[in-house]
Protein backbone atom coordinates (compact mmCIF):
# COMPACT_ATOMS: atom_id res chain seq x y z
CA UNK A 1 9.06 -24.19 11.34
CA UNK A 2 8.39 -20.68 10.00
CA UNK A 3 11.21 -18.16 10.20
CA UNK A 4 8.71 -15.30 10.38
CA UNK A 5 8.80 -13.30 13.60
CA UNK A 6 6.48 -10.88 15.34
CA UNK A 7 7.43 -7.20 14.89
CA UNK A 8 7.43 -6.58 18.65
CA UNK A 9 11.11 -7.05 19.39
CA UNK A 10 12.35 -5.23 16.28
CA UNK A 11 10.14 -2.22 17.08
CA UNK A 12 11.15 -2.07 20.74
CA UNK A 13 14.80 -2.06 19.64
CA UNK A 14 14.08 0.58 16.98
CA UNK A 15 12.27 2.81 19.46
CA UNK A 16 15.14 2.57 21.96
CA UNK A 17 17.81 2.94 19.27
CA UNK A 18 16.07 5.94 17.63
CA UNK A 19 15.75 4.40 14.17
CA UNK A 20 12.75 3.02 12.28
CA UNK A 21 11.99 -0.35 10.72
CA UNK A 22 10.69 -0.17 7.15
CA UNK A 23 7.44 -1.82 6.19
CA UNK A 24 7.78 -2.60 2.50
CA UNK A 25 4.49 -3.59 0.94
CA UNK A 26 4.74 -6.64 -1.30
CA UNK A 27 2.69 -7.50 -4.39
CA UNK A 28 4.23 -10.69 -5.78
CA UNK A 29 7.30 -12.93 -5.73
CA UNK A 30 9.64 -10.28 -7.19
CA UNK A 31 8.64 -7.73 -4.56
CA UNK A 32 9.06 -10.19 -1.71
CA UNK A 33 12.41 -11.46 -2.94
CA UNK A 34 13.72 -7.91 -3.52
CA UNK A 35 12.71 -6.84 0.00
CA UNK A 36 14.13 -9.83 1.90
CA UNK A 37 17.39 -10.02 -0.07
CA UNK A 38 18.05 -6.31 0.48
CA UNK A 39 17.33 -6.61 4.20
CA UNK A 40 19.73 -9.57 4.42
CA UNK A 41 22.45 -7.72 2.46
CA UNK A 42 22.15 -4.69 4.75
CA UNK A 43 21.74 -6.77 7.92
CA UNK A 44 18.47 -4.98 8.66
CA UNK A 45 15.15 -6.11 10.16
CA UNK A 46 12.19 -5.67 7.80
CA UNK A 47 8.41 -5.86 7.83
CA UNK A 48 6.61 -7.13 4.72
CA UNK A 49 3.25 -5.42 4.42
CA UNK A 50 0.32 -7.06 2.64
CA UNK A 51 -2.88 -5.13 2.02
CA UNK A 52 -6.09 -7.13 1.68
CA UNK A 53 -6.15 -6.20 -2.01
CA UNK A 54 -2.60 -7.49 -2.54
CA UNK A 55 -3.42 -10.64 -0.56
CA UNK A 56 -6.38 -11.29 -2.82
CA UNK A 57 -4.23 -10.62 -5.91
CA UNK A 58 -1.74 -13.24 -4.70
CA UNK A 59 -4.70 -15.68 -4.46
CA UNK A 60 -5.06 -15.49 -0.67
CA UNK A 61 -3.26 -15.03 2.61
CA UNK A 62 -2.24 -18.70 2.91
CA UNK A 63 -0.40 -18.44 -0.40
CA UNK A 64 1.43 -15.33 0.84
CA UNK A 65 2.48 -17.04 4.09
CA UNK A 66 3.60 -20.19 2.29
CA UNK A 67 5.58 -18.28 -0.34
CA UNK A 68 7.26 -15.97 2.20
CA UNK A 69 8.11 -18.72 4.71
CA UNK A 70 9.52 -20.97 2.01
CA UNK A 71 11.49 -18.09 0.50
CA UNK A 72 13.14 -17.17 3.82
CA UNK A 73 14.13 -20.79 4.12
CA UNK A 74 15.40 -21.27 0.56
CA UNK A 75 17.37 -17.99 0.60
CA UNK A 76 18.62 -18.66 4.12
CA UNK A 77 17.44 -15.27 5.38
CA UNK A 78 18.62 -14.77 8.96
CA UNK A 79 17.55 -11.16 9.63
CA UNK A 80 14.20 -10.69 11.43
CA UNK A 81 11.29 -10.63 8.96
CA UNK A 82 7.68 -9.99 9.98
CA UNK A 83 4.76 -10.69 7.65
CA UNK A 84 2.21 -8.01 8.42
CA UNK A 85 -1.38 -7.39 7.34
CA UNK A 86 -1.67 -3.74 6.27
CA UNK A 87 -4.89 -1.80 6.99
CA UNK A 88 -6.77 -4.96 7.85
CA UNK A 89 -10.49 -5.16 8.38
CA UNK A 90 -11.71 -7.08 11.42
CA UNK A 91 -12.51 -10.12 9.21
CA UNK A 92 -9.23 -9.78 7.32
CA UNK A 93 -7.29 -9.71 10.60
CA UNK A 94 -8.90 -12.97 11.69
CA UNK A 95 -8.11 -14.58 8.31
CA UNK A 96 -4.45 -13.54 8.47
CA UNK A 97 -4.09 -14.83 12.02
CA UNK A 98 -5.42 -18.16 10.77
CA UNK A 99 -3.17 -18.09 7.68
CA UNK A 100 0.00 -17.75 9.76
CA UNK A 101 0.92 -14.05 9.47
CA UNK A 102 3.28 -12.99 12.27
CA UNK A 103 1.92 -9.46 12.62
CA UNK A 104 -1.47 -7.85 12.11
CA UNK A 105 -2.77 -4.36 11.58
CA UNK A 106 -6.39 -3.82 12.46
CA UNK A 107 -7.53 -0.51 11.07
CA UNK A 108 -10.57 0.47 13.11
CA UNK A 109 -10.00 4.18 12.50
CA UNK A 110 -13.27 4.58 10.57
CA UNK A 111 -15.35 3.14 13.42
CA UNK A 112 -16.65 5.25 16.30
CA UNK A 113 -13.90 5.13 18.97
CA UNK A 114 -15.89 2.81 21.28
CA UNK A 115 -16.28 0.23 18.55
CA UNK A 116 -12.60 0.59 17.58
CA UNK A 117 -11.73 -0.06 21.26
CA UNK A 118 -14.02 -3.08 21.46
CA UNK A 119 -12.69 -4.78 18.31
CA UNK A 120 -9.07 -3.93 19.10
CA UNK A 121 -9.47 -5.37 22.63
CA UNK A 122 -10.55 -8.71 21.20
CA UNK A 123 -7.68 -8.79 18.71
CA UNK A 124 -5.13 -7.87 21.41
CA UNK A 125 -6.26 -10.97 23.33
CA UNK A 126 -5.95 -13.29 20.29
CA UNK A 127 -2.59 -11.85 19.17
CA UNK A 128 -1.15 -12.11 22.69
CA UNK A 129 -2.18 -15.76 22.91
CA UNK A 130 -0.49 -16.49 19.58
CA UNK A 131 2.57 -14.29 20.09
CA UNK A 132 1.77 -11.93 17.19
CA UNK A 133 2.32 -8.19 17.09
CA UNK A 134 -0.69 -5.93 16.59
CA UNK A 135 -0.87 -2.46 15.06
CA UNK A 136 -3.92 -0.29 15.60
CA UNK A 137 -4.90 2.97 13.93
CA UNK A 138 -6.58 6.08 15.22
CA UNK A 139 -7.90 8.84 13.00
CA UNK A 140 -7.87 8.37 9.28
CA UNK A 141 -4.68 8.77 7.31
CA UNK A 142 -5.04 10.78 4.11
CA UNK A 143 -4.66 9.73 0.50
CA UNK A 144 -5.78 6.54 -1.16
CA UNK A 145 -5.33 3.03 0.24
CA UNK A 146 -7.12 0.27 -1.67
CA UNK A 147 -9.74 2.72 -2.96
CA UNK A 148 -10.42 4.45 0.37
CA UNK A 149 -9.64 8.17 0.28
CA UNK A 150 -8.86 10.42 3.28
CA UNK A 151 -7.13 13.81 3.42
CA UNK A 152 -4.16 14.04 5.75
CA UNK A 153 -6.04 14.21 9.03
CA UNK A 154 -4.59 14.39 12.51
CA UNK A 155 -5.50 11.92 15.25
CA UNK A 156 -6.94 12.90 18.63
CA UNK A 157 -4.21 12.24 21.25
CA UNK A 158 -6.80 11.17 23.87
CA UNK A 159 -8.25 8.55 21.50
CA UNK A 160 -4.67 7.41 20.82
CA UNK A 161 -4.19 6.86 24.55
CA UNK A 162 -7.40 4.81 24.80
CA UNK A 163 -6.22 2.47 22.04
CA UNK A 164 -2.59 2.33 23.24
CA UNK A 165 -3.73 1.38 26.74
CA UNK A 166 -5.38 -1.76 25.35
CA UNK A 167 -1.94 -3.28 24.95
CA UNK A 168 -1.35 -3.04 21.21
CA UNK A 169 2.27 -3.36 20.02
CA UNK A 170 2.33 -0.21 17.88
CA UNK A 171 0.07 2.64 16.99
CA UNK A 172 -0.56 4.40 13.69
CA UNK A 173 -1.82 7.92 14.30
CA UNK A 174 -2.59 10.41 11.55
CA UNK A 175 -0.17 13.36 11.73
CA UNK A 176 -1.03 14.96 8.40
CA UNK A 177 0.52 12.10 6.39
CA UNK A 178 -1.02 10.81 3.17
CA UNK A 179 -0.87 7.55 1.21
CA UNK A 180 0.51 7.80 -2.31
CA UNK A 181 1.57 11.08 -3.91
CA UNK A 182 1.66 14.21 -1.79
CA UNK A 183 -0.11 17.23 -3.32
CA UNK A 184 1.89 20.38 -4.16
CA UNK A 185 0.26 22.33 -1.33
CA UNK A 186 0.79 19.67 1.37
CA UNK A 187 1.56 21.50 4.64
CA UNK A 188 3.99 18.83 5.93
CA UNK A 189 3.80 16.56 8.96
CA UNK A 190 2.19 17.91 12.11
CA UNK A 191 4.96 17.49 14.68
CA UNK A 192 2.68 19.17 17.21
CA UNK A 193 0.23 16.28 16.87
CA UNK A 194 3.07 13.76 17.01
CA UNK A 195 4.44 15.30 20.22
CA UNK A 196 0.96 15.41 21.78
CA UNK A 197 0.34 11.74 20.88
CA UNK A 198 3.76 10.72 22.22
CA UNK A 199 3.01 12.59 25.42
CA UNK A 200 -0.15 10.52 25.92
CA UNK A 201 1.08 7.08 24.82
CA UNK A 202 4.56 7.18 26.34
CA UNK A 203 6.83 4.36 25.12
CA UNK A 204 4.46 2.95 22.49
CA UNK A 205 6.27 2.59 19.13
CA UNK A 206 4.51 4.85 16.62
CA UNK A 207 3.91 4.11 12.95
CA UNK A 208 4.11 6.55 10.07
CA UNK A 209 2.03 5.56 7.05
CA UNK A 210 2.50 7.18 3.67
CA UNK A 211 6.30 7.18 3.76
CA UNK A 212 6.56 7.93 0.02
CA UNK A 213 7.31 11.57 -0.65
CA UNK A 214 7.87 12.87 2.88
CA UNK A 215 11.04 15.02 2.87
CA UNK A 216 14.04 13.31 4.50
CA UNK A 217 14.45 15.90 7.26
CA UNK A 218 10.81 15.38 8.30
CA UNK A 219 11.31 11.59 8.30
CA UNK A 220 14.36 11.96 10.55
CA UNK A 221 12.54 14.34 12.89
CA UNK A 222 9.57 11.94 13.12
CA UNK A 223 11.95 9.10 14.06
CA UNK A 224 13.56 11.26 16.75
CA UNK A 225 10.05 11.87 18.16
CA UNK A 226 9.16 8.19 18.57
CA UNK A 227 8.24 6.85 15.13
CA UNK A 228 9.66 3.31 14.98
CA UNK A 229 8.02 1.97 11.81
CA UNK A 230 7.55 3.66 8.44
CA UNK A 231 5.48 2.23 5.61
CA UNK A 232 6.66 2.40 2.01
CA UNK A 233 4.60 1.20 -0.93
CA UNK A 234 4.04 3.64 -3.81
CA UNK A 235 7.74 4.43 -4.22
CA UNK A 236 8.63 0.80 -4.99
CA UNK A 237 5.77 0.66 -7.49
CA UNK A 238 7.03 3.79 -9.24
CA UNK A 239 10.59 2.43 -9.35
CA UNK A 240 9.39 -0.89 -10.78
CA UNK A 241 7.23 0.81 -13.40
CA UNK A 242 9.98 3.24 -14.44
CA UNK A 243 12.60 0.50 -14.92
CA UNK A 244 10.17 -1.79 -16.76
CA UNK A 245 9.12 1.03 -19.09
CA UNK A 246 12.76 1.85 -19.90
CA UNK A 247 13.50 -1.80 -20.71
CA UNK A 248 10.56 -2.03 -23.11
CA UNK A 249 11.08 1.41 -24.66
CA UNK A 250 14.70 0.44 -25.36
CA UNK A 251 13.33 -2.59 -27.25
CA UNK A 252 15.19 -5.01 -24.95
CA UNK A 253 12.16 -7.31 -24.81
CA UNK A 254 12.59 -7.90 -28.55
CA UNK A 255 16.27 -8.85 -28.31
CA UNK A 256 17.07 -12.56 -28.01
CA UNK A 257 15.10 -14.01 -25.09
CA UNK A 258 14.34 -10.53 -23.69
CA UNK A 259 10.66 -11.41 -23.54
CA UNK A 260 11.33 -14.12 -20.92
CA UNK A 261 9.61 -12.87 -17.74
CA UNK A 262 12.79 -13.52 -15.79
CA UNK A 263 14.57 -11.03 -18.04
CA UNK A 264 11.62 -8.70 -18.53
CA UNK A 265 11.04 -8.28 -14.79
CA UNK A 266 14.74 -8.13 -13.79
CA UNK A 267 15.25 -4.34 -14.17
CA UNK A 268 12.11 -3.66 -12.13
CA UNK A 269 13.28 -6.12 -9.49
CA UNK A 270 16.66 -4.35 -9.23
CA UNK A 271 14.86 -0.99 -9.01
CA UNK A 272 12.78 -2.22 -6.05
CA UNK A 273 15.97 -3.42 -4.35
CA UNK A 274 17.60 -0.02 -4.85
CA UNK A 275 14.53 1.74 -3.41
CA UNK A 276 14.41 -0.57 -0.38
CA UNK A 277 18.14 -0.02 0.20
CA UNK A 278 17.60 3.74 0.14
CA UNK A 279 14.79 3.48 2.70
CA UNK A 280 16.60 1.14 5.10
CA UNK A 281 19.55 3.50 5.00
CA UNK A 282 17.42 6.63 5.55
CA UNK A 283 15.45 5.04 8.40
CA UNK A 284 18.70 4.00 10.13
CA UNK A 285 18.03 0.24 10.38
CA UNK A 286 21.17 -0.93 8.53
CA UNK A 287 23.21 -3.37 10.68
CA UNK A 288 20.50 -3.38 13.34
CA UNK A 289 19.33 -6.97 12.73
């Protein structure tokens, strides 16, 4: 019996409690273990995000589900954990549903709105039948995600309403946010757009992509305006890289058994944990499991 849960309940609680659940994107065993252990330590719900690229890197979605489910079991993780497809294609969404993911994001933002509505409608039906949560996206989000580049666009609130009304669990709407590193001249989040979207979609939990590099006060303001889920990816990668580089530059890999991957990857693993802790604290989900 899988311990994975849909993100629906955790997001409803987050929306009502005015905090946000972190989606931490995972890339391998270290990432997954760091995320779930930190969530357990801080008694916080967590969403593990898997992009199609990361899923492929980990040999496939079934491997990811098997590893995550087994890990929650072996580590006796009791906080709510959702395994979520990030920026899924229509085909990818179907594969993840089949592979046992507990939450799906279908990103139809690049389709004409009618086609986005049509495909989302079908996925809402399947996810409802299987008890999975579904995230939809309207209007492209800037920056780079698996090789696709956009530039901090803002979603059309009326299109957001059309998608929200289909019965999705959560909605990602572009509000000037960007994946990856924010440029020097980034104008900041468009709270005007966020308020307009909120006005149209009512109680729908909103999702903020590109959580790396948004100033803390803007994060907090976004949460107060209805954002219940924030995605973090690049920041954990930077932390891992930085710690691994330090270890090697200090020549630790040449000392004793320092080359053993368990030792070599340990500083990076701890750095991911520290980053996740920082995010769960900032988003306000500590002790909310």
